[in-house]
C-alpha atoms as a PDB file:
ATOM      1  CA  UNK A   1      95.282 100.553 134.715  1.00  0.00           C
ATOM      2  CA  UNK A   2      93.382  98.070 132.519  1.00  0.00           C
ATOM      3  CA  UNK A   3      94.802  96.889 129.354  1.00  0.00           C
ATOM      4  CA  UNK A   4      92.123  98.185 127.593  1.00  0.00           C
ATOM      5  CA  UNK A   5      93.205 101.602 129.003  1.00  0.00           C
ATOM      6  CA  UNK A   6      96.771 101.235 127.969  1.00  0.00           C
ATOM      7  CA  UNK A   7      95.413  99.898 124.609  1.00  0.00           C
ATOM      8  CA  UNK A   8      93.481 103.021 124.213  1.00  0.00           C
ATOM      9  CA  UNK A   9      96.036 105.511 125.603  1.00  0.00           C
ATOM     10  CA  UNK A  10      98.638 104.593 123.154  1.00  0.00           C
ATOM     11  CA  UNK A  11      96.453 104.459 120.344  1.00  0.00           C
ATOM     12  CA  UNK A  12      95.368 107.729 121.606  1.00  0.00           C
ATOM     13  CA  UNK A  13      98.920 109.084 121.777  1.00  0.00           C
ATOM     14  CA  UNK A  14     100.125 107.516 118.460  1.00  0.00           C
ATOM     15  CA  UNK A  15      96.702 109.485 116.689  1.00  0.00           C
ATOM     16  CA  UNK A  16      98.192 113.110 118.964  1.00  0.00           C
ATOM     17  CA  UNK A  17     101.462 111.894 117.399  1.00  0.00           C
ATOM     18  CA  UNK A  18     100.165 112.040 113.713  1.00  0.00           C
ATOM     19  CA  UNK A  19      97.919 115.127 114.357  1.00  0.00           C
ATOM     20  CA  UNK A  20     101.445 116.988 115.183  1.00  0.00           C
ATOM     21  CA  UNK A  21     103.016 115.741 112.006  1.00  0.00           C
ATOM     22  CA  UNK A  22      99.915 116.747 109.776  1.00  0.00           C
ATOM     23  CA  UNK A  23      99.984 120.297 111.334  1.00  0.00           C
ATOM     24  CA  UNK A  24     103.673 120.751 110.839  1.00  0.00           C
ATOM     25  CA  UNK A  25     103.599 119.211 107.501  1.00  0.00           C
ATOM     26  CA  UNK A  26     100.889 121.696 107.014  1.00  0.00           C
ATOM     27  CA  UNK A  27     101.694 125.114 109.133  1.00  0.00           C
ATOM     28  CA  UNK A  28     105.677 124.750 107.621  1.00  0.00           C
ATOM     29  CA  UNK A  29     104.900 123.400 103.853  1.00  0.00           C
ATOM     30  CA  UNK A  30     107.575 124.532 102.176  1.00  0.00           C
ATOM     31  CA  UNK A  31     110.197 123.127 104.686  1.00  0.00           C
ATOM     32  CA  UNK A  32     109.097 119.749 104.184  1.00  0.00           C
ATOM     33  CA  UNK A  33     108.476 119.902 100.408  1.00  0.00           C
ATOM     34  CA  UNK A  34     111.979 120.946 100.533  1.00  0.00           C
ATOM     35  CA  UNK A  35     112.753 117.687 102.215  1.00  0.00           C
ATOM     36  CA  UNK A  36     110.350 115.797  99.680  1.00  0.00           C
ATOM     37  CA  UNK A  37     112.235 117.603  96.524  1.00  0.00           C
ATOM     38  CA  UNK A  38     115.883 116.697  97.325  1.00  0.00           C
ATOM     39  CA  UNK A  39     115.033 113.357  98.053  1.00  0.00           C
ATOM     40  CA  UNK A  40     112.749 112.625  94.763  1.00  0.00           C
ATOM     41  CA  UNK A  41     115.732 115.015  92.858  1.00  0.00           C
ATOM     42  CA  UNK A  42     118.599 113.284  94.373  1.00  0.00           C
ATOM     43  CA  UNK A  43     120.900 116.225  94.284  1.00  0.00           C
ATOM     44  CA  UNK A  44     122.906 114.950  97.649  1.00  0.00           C
ATOM     45  CA  UNK A  45     123.483 111.650  96.681  1.00  0.00           C
ATOM     46  CA  UNK A  46     127.064 110.329  96.301  1.00  0.00           C
ATOM     47  CA  UNK A  47     128.131 112.507  93.204  1.00  0.00           C
ATOM     48  CA  UNK A  48     128.203 110.135  90.156  1.00  0.00           C
ATOM     49  CA  UNK A  49     126.239 107.312  91.678  1.00  0.00           C
ATOM     50  CA  UNK A  50     124.732 104.958  88.719  1.00  0.00           C
ATOM     51  CA  UNK A  51     120.853 105.455  90.282  1.00  0.00           C
ATOM     52  CA  UNK A  52     120.961 109.007  89.428  1.00  0.00           C
ATOM     53  CA  UNK A  53     118.392 107.967  86.046  1.00  0.00           C
ATOM     54  CA  UNK A  54     115.557 107.634  89.036  1.00  0.00           C
ATOM     55  CA  UNK A  55     115.885 111.171  89.730  1.00  0.00           C
ATOM     56  CA  UNK A  56     112.492 113.226  89.503  1.00  0.00           C
ATOM     57  CA  UNK A  57     112.915 116.825  88.839  1.00  0.00           C
ATOM     58  CA  UNK A  58     109.377 117.530  88.230  1.00  0.00           C
ATOM     59  CA  UNK A  59     107.659 120.361  90.738  1.00  0.00           C
ATOM     60  CA  UNK A  60     104.641 118.826  89.932  1.00  0.00           C
ATOM     61  CA  UNK A  61     105.608 115.298  91.027  1.00  0.00           C
ATOM     62  CA  UNK A  62     107.136 116.742  93.958  1.00  0.00           C
ATOM     63  CA  UNK A  63     103.791 118.322  94.958  1.00  0.00           C
ATOM     64  CA  UNK A  64     101.816 115.522  94.511  1.00  0.00           C
ATOM     65  CA  UNK A  65     103.782 113.497  96.343  1.00  0.00           C
ATOM     66  CA  UNK A  66     103.783 115.857  99.066  1.00  0.00           C
ATOM     67  CA  UNK A  67      99.848 115.349  99.310  1.00  0.00           C
ATOM     68  CA  UNK A  68      99.925 112.029  99.067  1.00  0.00           C
ATOM     69  CA  UNK A  69     102.074 111.417 102.211  1.00  0.00           C
ATOM     70  CA  UNK A  70      99.967 114.109 104.152  1.00  0.00           C
ATOM     71  CA  UNK A  71      96.723 112.702 103.303  1.00  0.00           C
ATOM     72  CA  UNK A  72      98.174 109.108 103.790  1.00  0.00           C
ATOM     73  CA  UNK A  73      98.955 110.817 107.801  1.00  0.00           C
ATOM     74  CA  UNK A  74      95.650 112.117 108.177  1.00  0.00           C
ATOM     75  CA  UNK A  75      93.733 109.032 107.122  1.00  0.00           C
ATOM     76  CA  UNK A  76      96.069 106.976 109.975  1.00  0.00           C
ATOM     77  CA  UNK A  77      95.878 109.845 112.555  1.00  0.00           C
ATOM     78  CA  UNK A  78      92.302 109.395 111.740  1.00  0.00           C
ATOM     79  CA  UNK A  79      91.344 106.008 112.479  1.00  0.00           C
ATOM     80  CA  UNK A  80      93.607 105.762 115.383  1.00  0.00           C
ATOM     81  CA  UNK A  81      92.278 108.586 116.977  1.00  0.00           C
ATOM     82  CA  UNK A  82      88.711 107.029 116.540  1.00  0.00           C
ATOM     83  CA  UNK A  83      89.714 103.565 117.196  1.00  0.00           C
ATOM     84  CA  UNK A  84      90.841 104.676 120.271  1.00  0.00           C
ATOM     85  CA  UNK A  85      88.032 106.805 121.562  1.00  0.00           C
ATOM     86  CA  UNK A  86      86.071 103.390 120.650  1.00  0.00           C
ATOM     87  CA  UNK A  87      88.470 101.409 122.643  1.00  0.00           C
ATOM     88  CA  UNK A  88      87.912 104.014 125.727  1.00  0.00           C
ATOM     89  CA  UNK A  89      84.433 103.983 125.760  1.00  0.00           C
ATOM     90  CA  UNK A  90      83.578 100.447 124.326  1.00  0.00           C
ATOM     91  CA  UNK A  91      81.492  98.444 126.950  1.00  0.00           C
ATOM     92  CA  UNK A  92      81.195  95.091 125.202  1.00  0.00           C
ATOM     93  CA  UNK A  93      83.625  92.582 124.109  1.00  0.00           C
ATOM     94  CA  UNK A  94      82.154  93.280 120.285  1.00  0.00           C
ATOM     95  CA  UNK A  95      82.517  96.813 120.780  1.00  0.00           C
ATOM     96  CA  UNK A  96      86.286  96.280 121.759  1.00  0.00           C
ATOM     97  CA  UNK A  97      87.058  93.742 119.077  1.00  0.00           C
ATOM     98  CA  UNK A  98      85.842  96.412 116.625  1.00  0.00           C
ATOM     99  CA  UNK A  99      87.766  99.437 117.935  1.00  0.00           C
ATOM    100  CA  UNK A 100      91.082  97.001 118.101  1.00  0.00           C
ATOM    101  CA  UNK A 101      90.465  96.640 114.049  1.00  0.00           C
ATOM    102  CA  UNK A 102      89.622  99.751 113.571  1.00  0.00           C
ATOM    103  CA  UNK A 103      93.232 100.543 115.754  1.00  0.00           C
ATOM    104  CA  UNK A 104      94.830  97.494 113.704  1.00  0.00           C
ATOM    105  CA  UNK A 105      94.007  99.380 110.538  1.00  0.00           C
ATOM    106  CA  UNK A 106      94.875 103.177 111.490  1.00  0.00           C
ATOM    107  CA  UNK A 107      98.334 101.334 112.875  1.00  0.00           C
ATOM    108  CA  UNK A 108      99.074  99.103 109.974  1.00  0.00           C
ATOM    109  CA  UNK A 109      98.638 102.361 107.219  1.00  0.00           C
ATOM    110  CA  UNK A 110     100.973 104.305 108.958  1.00  0.00           C
ATOM    111  CA  UNK A 111     103.515 101.317 109.076  1.00  0.00           C
ATOM    112  CA  UNK A 112     103.230 101.117 105.654  1.00  0.00           C
ATOM    113  CA  UNK A 113     104.109 104.789 105.007  1.00  0.00           C
ATOM    114  CA  UNK A 114     107.188 104.620 107.109  1.00  0.00           C
ATOM    115  CA  UNK A 115     108.054 101.321 105.453  1.00  0.00           C
ATOM    116  CA  UNK A 116     106.805 101.744 101.848  1.00  0.00           C
ATOM    117  CA  UNK A 117     106.992 105.793 101.635  1.00  0.00           C
ATOM    118  CA  UNK A 118     110.503 106.562 103.441  1.00  0.00           C
ATOM    119  CA  UNK A 119     112.560 103.526 104.163  1.00  0.00           C
ATOM    120  CA  UNK A 120     111.690 101.297 100.508  1.00  0.00           C
ATOM    121  CA  UNK A 121     110.780 104.371  97.814  1.00  0.00           C
ATOM    122  CA  UNK A 122     112.705 107.074  99.612  1.00  0.00           C
ATOM    123  CA  UNK A 123     115.449 105.202 100.900  1.00  0.00           C
ATOM    124  CA  UNK A 124     116.183 102.679  98.540  1.00  0.00           C
ATOM    125  CA  UNK A 125     114.892 103.840  95.540  1.00  0.00           C
ATOM    126  CA  UNK A 126     115.497 107.171  95.533  1.00  0.00           C
ATOM    127  CA  UNK A 127     118.633 106.471  97.821  1.00  0.00           C
ATOM    128  CA  UNK A 128     117.832 108.834 100.669  1.00  0.00           C
ATOM    129  CA  UNK A 129     120.339 106.702 102.633  1.00  0.00           C
ATOM    130  CA  UNK A 130     123.470 108.296 100.528  1.00  0.00           C
ATOM    131  CA  UNK A 131     122.213 112.189 101.849  1.00  0.00           C
ATOM    132  CA  UNK A 132     124.039 113.525 105.029  1.00  0.00           C
ATOM    133  CA  UNK A 133     121.110 116.380 104.755  1.00  0.00           C
ATOM    134  CA  UNK A 134     117.925 115.188 103.663  1.00  0.00           C
ATOM    135  CA  UNK A 135     118.086 111.205 105.161  1.00  0.00           C
ATOM    136  CA  UNK A 136     114.579 110.744 107.014  1.00  0.00           C
ATOM    137  CA  UNK A 137     115.759 106.579 107.673  1.00  0.00           C
ATOM    138  CA  UNK A 138     115.958 106.877 111.302  1.00  0.00           C
ATOM    139  CA  UNK A 139     113.145 108.824 112.215  1.00  0.00           C
ATOM    140  CA  UNK A 140     110.836 106.613 109.982  1.00  0.00           C
ATOM    141  CA  UNK A 141     112.571 103.351 111.111  1.00  0.00           C
ATOM    142  CA  UNK A 142     111.596 104.995 114.874  1.00  0.00           C
ATOM    143  CA  UNK A 143     107.922 105.423 113.628  1.00  0.00           C
ATOM    144  CA  UNK A 144     107.510 102.399 112.537  1.00  0.00           C
ATOM    145  CA  UNK A 145     108.720 101.164 115.271  1.00  0.00           C
ATOM    146  CA  UNK A 146     106.434 103.013 117.629  1.00  0.00           C
ATOM    147  CA  UNK A 147     103.608 102.281 115.701  1.00  0.00           C
ATOM    148  CA  UNK A 148     104.622  98.075 115.711  1.00  0.00           C
ATOM    149  CA  UNK A 149     104.774  98.198 119.562  1.00  0.00           C
ATOM    150  CA  UNK A 150     101.338 100.255 119.912  1.00  0.00           C
ATOM    151  CA  UNK A 151     100.093  97.188 117.551  1.00  0.00           C
ATOM    152  CA  UNK A 152     101.562  94.498 119.404  1.00  0.00           C
ATOM    153  CA  UNK A 153      99.894  95.969 122.682  1.00  0.00           C
ATOM    154  CA  UNK A 154      96.861  96.374 121.019  1.00  0.00           C
ATOM    155  CA  UNK A 155      96.467  92.538 120.752  1.00  0.00           C
ATOM    156  CA  UNK A 156      97.685  91.640 123.745  1.00  0.00           C
ATOM    157  CA  UNK A 157      94.950  89.750 125.745  1.00  0.00           C
ATOM    158  CA  UNK A 158      92.068  90.564 122.791  1.00  0.00           C
ATOM    159  CA  UNK A 159      91.857  86.413 121.763  1.00  0.00           C
ATOM    160  CA  UNK A 160      91.305  85.742 125.774  1.00  0.00           C
ATOM    161  CA  UNK A 161      88.897  88.597 125.633  1.00  0.00           C
ATOM    162  CA  UNK A 162      86.760  87.279 122.701  1.00  0.00           C
ATOM    163  CA  UNK A 163      86.584  83.720 123.965  1.00  0.00           C
ATOM    164  CA  UNK A 164      89.196  82.862 121.433  1.00  0.00           C
END
C-alpha cells in the first residue's frame, strides 16, 4: 500500500467516524442535547464551587450550542471525506497537494472542535471535569489525538513528493 493510499484511507476513516457522530447526534438528539444542557448548566459539578456563576440555564442557548456542535462536525466530515476521495483519485502532485490541503483544513477544524469546544469551553469554563456523569473530556482528548495522528500521517512524505 502506498503512503498516499494510507493517507486517503485514514482521512476516509476519520470522515466516516464523523458521519456516525453526526448521525448519532441527529437520531438521538434528545440524549445528546441533555449532555450539552448538563454541561452548560453545571448542575453536576462540585456543590458550592465558585465557578457556578458561569452556568447557562437557557434552553435556547443549549440548543444553539448543540446546533453549532453538529454543524461543526458536519463541516469537518464533509471536508475530510472530500479530501479522502480526492487524494485516492489524485494523479498529479498538484492534485495530491490540493487534496492534502483540504484534508488539513478538515482535520484542523475537527481538532479545534475537540480542543476548544469540548476541552477548553466545556472542560474548563463550564468545569465539565468536575462531573462524574457528564464529562466528555476523555472522549474529546481521544478524538483530538486521533485527528492529530491523521494530520501527521497526511503530511508524511508530502514535501518530497512536491519537490520542496
